[in-house]
Amino acid sequence: MLDITKYITKGLQNTLLFKNTTGTSHNGPWKQVYSNTLLDRWHVGEFSSVEYTISADFDVDNKEIIKVLITASRDRASVVIYARNNTVNDILDVTATVNDSYVDVVLNPVIDAEIGTNFTSAKVIHTAQYFHTQTPLVV
């Protein structure tokens, strides 16, 4: 049985403190990216912003990690890619659409005929940190 207290304790200001350089790892379930692949959906009445880490794996040579911030209101979504690293080329495009109810976070594979890249079917995993809406939506 795993004794979690060997790895985590209470930190300052009600945070979790990882002991002895403990980290987290992520592995699936992955999904393949085709045209307009839905990565995530969240309701604007519950959350106002989300921070994503998206890891893409196309083949043995093409890997990418992207850090993305998305903030949304009922009729507007803003996407900021603030960090991106890959082994050869960008693999994914990230967009968000919103209606009066929810935000869809959508992935598309990068396809560039000029340089001969097509990353359709890349595998992705992601993590998300959700930030709750502090001001209720008023109709």
Protein backbone atom coordinates (compact mmCIF):
# COMPACT_ATOMS: atom_id res chain seq x y z
CA MET A 1 0.00 0.00 0.00
CA LEU A 2 1.29 3.43 -0.96
CA ASP A 3 1.91 5.74 2.00
CA ILE A 4 1.27 9.17 0.49
CA THR A 5 2.62 10.95 3.57
CA LYS A 6 6.11 9.89 2.46
CA TYR A 7 5.69 12.17 -0.56
CA ILE A 8 3.28 14.98 0.40
CA THR A 9 2.80 17.14 3.48
CA LYS A 10 1.02 20.39 4.32
CA GLY A 11 2.86 23.41 2.97
CA LEU A 12 2.67 27.12 3.66
CA GLN A 13 -0.66 28.92 3.17
CA ASN A 14 -2.66 25.68 2.83
CA THR A 15 -0.63 24.33 -0.08
CA LEU A 16 0.61 20.81 -0.74
CA LEU A 17 4.34 20.40 -0.23
CA PHE A 18 6.06 17.66 -2.22
CA LYS A 19 8.87 16.04 -0.23
CA ASN A 20 12.27 15.02 -1.55
CA THR A 21 11.82 16.38 -5.09
CA THR A 22 8.71 14.28 -5.62
CA GLY A 23 6.98 15.07 -8.92
CA THR A 24 3.95 14.05 -10.87
CA SER A 25 3.79 12.13 -14.12
CA HIS A 26 1.06 11.90 -16.71
CA ASN A 27 0.21 9.09 -19.10
CA GLY A 28 -3.08 8.87 -20.92
CA PRO A 29 -5.61 8.06 -21.78
CA TRP A 30 -4.48 9.74 -25.00
CA LYS A 31 -6.64 10.79 -27.92
CA GLN A 32 -5.73 11.18 -31.55
CA VAL A 33 -6.05 14.58 -33.20
CA TYR A 34 -8.00 14.92 -36.40
CA SER A 35 -9.83 17.95 -37.77
CA ASN A 36 -11.60 19.86 -34.95
CA THR A 37 -10.82 17.41 -32.13
CA LEU A 38 -12.55 18.41 -28.90
CA LEU A 39 -9.95 18.47 -26.11
CA ASP A 40 -12.13 19.84 -23.31
CA ARG A 41 -15.47 21.49 -22.59
CA TRP A 42 -16.32 23.58 -19.54
CA HIS A 43 -19.22 25.75 -18.49
CA VAL A 44 -18.61 29.49 -18.23
CA GLY A 45 -20.88 29.68 -15.18
CA GLU A 46 -18.56 27.32 -13.30
CA PHE A 47 -15.10 28.34 -14.56
CA SER A 48 -13.67 31.55 -15.97
CA SER A 49 -10.14 30.41 -16.84
CA VAL A 50 -8.20 27.22 -17.39
CA GLU A 51 -4.49 26.54 -17.69
CA TYR A 52 -3.55 23.57 -19.89
CA THR A 53 -0.40 21.61 -20.49
CA ILE A 54 -0.79 19.67 -23.73
CA SER A 55 1.71 17.02 -24.80
CA ALA A 56 1.64 15.83 -28.42
CA ASP A 57 3.42 12.77 -29.77
CA PHE A 58 3.30 12.12 -33.52
CA ASP A 59 6.14 9.66 -34.05
CA VAL A 60 9.61 8.91 -32.73
CA ASP A 61 10.97 12.22 -34.06
CA ASN A 62 8.05 14.65 -33.63
CA LYS A 63 7.08 15.63 -30.06
CA GLU A 64 5.64 18.84 -28.66
CA ILE A 65 4.54 20.37 -25.36
CA ILE A 66 2.35 23.47 -25.17
CA LYS A 67 1.31 25.67 -22.22
CA VAL A 68 -2.03 27.37 -22.88
CA LEU A 69 -4.21 29.84 -20.95
CA ILE A 70 -7.89 30.23 -21.85
CA THR A 71 -10.18 32.82 -20.31
CA ALA A 72 -13.84 33.09 -21.28
CA SER A 73 -17.04 34.99 -20.70
CA ARG A 74 -20.44 34.16 -22.16
CA ASP A 75 -19.58 35.51 -25.61
CA ARG A 76 -15.79 35.68 -25.82
CA ALA A 77 -12.87 33.30 -25.39
CA SER A 78 -9.22 34.31 -25.33
CA VAL A 79 -6.42 31.81 -26.01
CA VAL A 80 -2.78 32.51 -25.13
CA ILE A 81 -0.05 30.02 -25.93
CA TYR A 82 2.67 31.19 -23.57
CA ALA A 83 5.16 28.37 -23.99
CA ARG A 84 5.79 25.89 -26.75
CA ASN A 85 8.61 23.45 -27.31
CA ASN A 86 8.98 20.77 -29.95
CA THR A 87 11.60 18.55 -31.46
CA VAL A 88 11.10 19.56 -35.11
CA ASN A 89 7.86 21.40 -35.99
CA ASP A 90 4.68 22.69 -34.39
CA ILE A 91 2.24 19.77 -34.29
CA LEU A 92 -0.98 21.34 -33.00
CA ASP A 93 -3.16 24.42 -33.37
CA VAL A 94 -5.24 25.28 -30.28
CA THR A 95 -8.47 27.31 -30.44
CA ALA A 96 -11.49 27.93 -28.23
CA THR A 97 -15.09 28.78 -29.04
CA VAL A 98 -17.78 29.86 -26.61
CA ASN A 99 -21.54 30.20 -26.54
CA ASP A 100 -23.79 31.38 -23.70
CA SER A 101 -23.21 28.10 -21.89
CA TYR A 102 -19.83 26.45 -22.45
CA VAL A 103 -16.34 26.72 -23.90
CA ASP A 104 -15.01 24.17 -26.35
CA VAL A 105 -11.23 23.79 -26.52
CA VAL A 106 -10.40 22.42 -29.96
CA LEU A 107 -7.22 20.95 -31.42
CA ASN A 108 -6.29 20.70 -35.07
CA PRO A 109 -3.22 19.03 -36.55
CA VAL A 110 -0.76 21.30 -38.32
CA ILE A 111 -0.85 20.58 -42.05
CA ASP A 112 1.60 22.49 -44.23
CA ALA A 113 1.82 21.33 -47.84
CA GLU A 114 4.74 23.66 -48.59
CA ILE A 115 7.10 21.87 -46.22
CA GLY A 116 5.33 18.52 -46.40
CA THR A 117 4.06 18.23 -42.83
CA ASN A 118 0.78 16.62 -41.85
CA PHE A 119 0.40 15.79 -38.17
CA THR A 120 -3.07 14.25 -38.46
CA SER A 121 -3.48 11.42 -35.91
CA ALA A 122 -0.93 12.81 -33.42
CA LYS A 123 -1.58 11.47 -29.91
CA VAL A 124 -2.20 13.98 -27.12
CA ILE A 125 -2.55 13.94 -23.37
CA HIS A 126 -3.24 16.98 -21.25
CA THR A 127 -3.61 18.35 -17.76
CA ALA A 128 -5.85 21.22 -16.75
CA GLN A 129 -6.05 23.55 -13.80
CA TYR A 130 -9.50 25.11 -13.55
CA PHE A 131 -10.23 28.50 -11.97
CA HIS A 132 -13.78 29.00 -10.74
CA THR A 133 -15.95 31.92 -11.79
CA GLN A 134 -16.14 34.38 -8.89
CA THR A 135 -18.96 36.51 -10.28
CA PRO A 136 -22.13 34.57 -11.13
CA LEU A 137 -23.54 34.93 -14.61
CA VAL A 138 -26.63 37.12 -14.69
CA VAL A 139 -29.21 36.65 -17.42
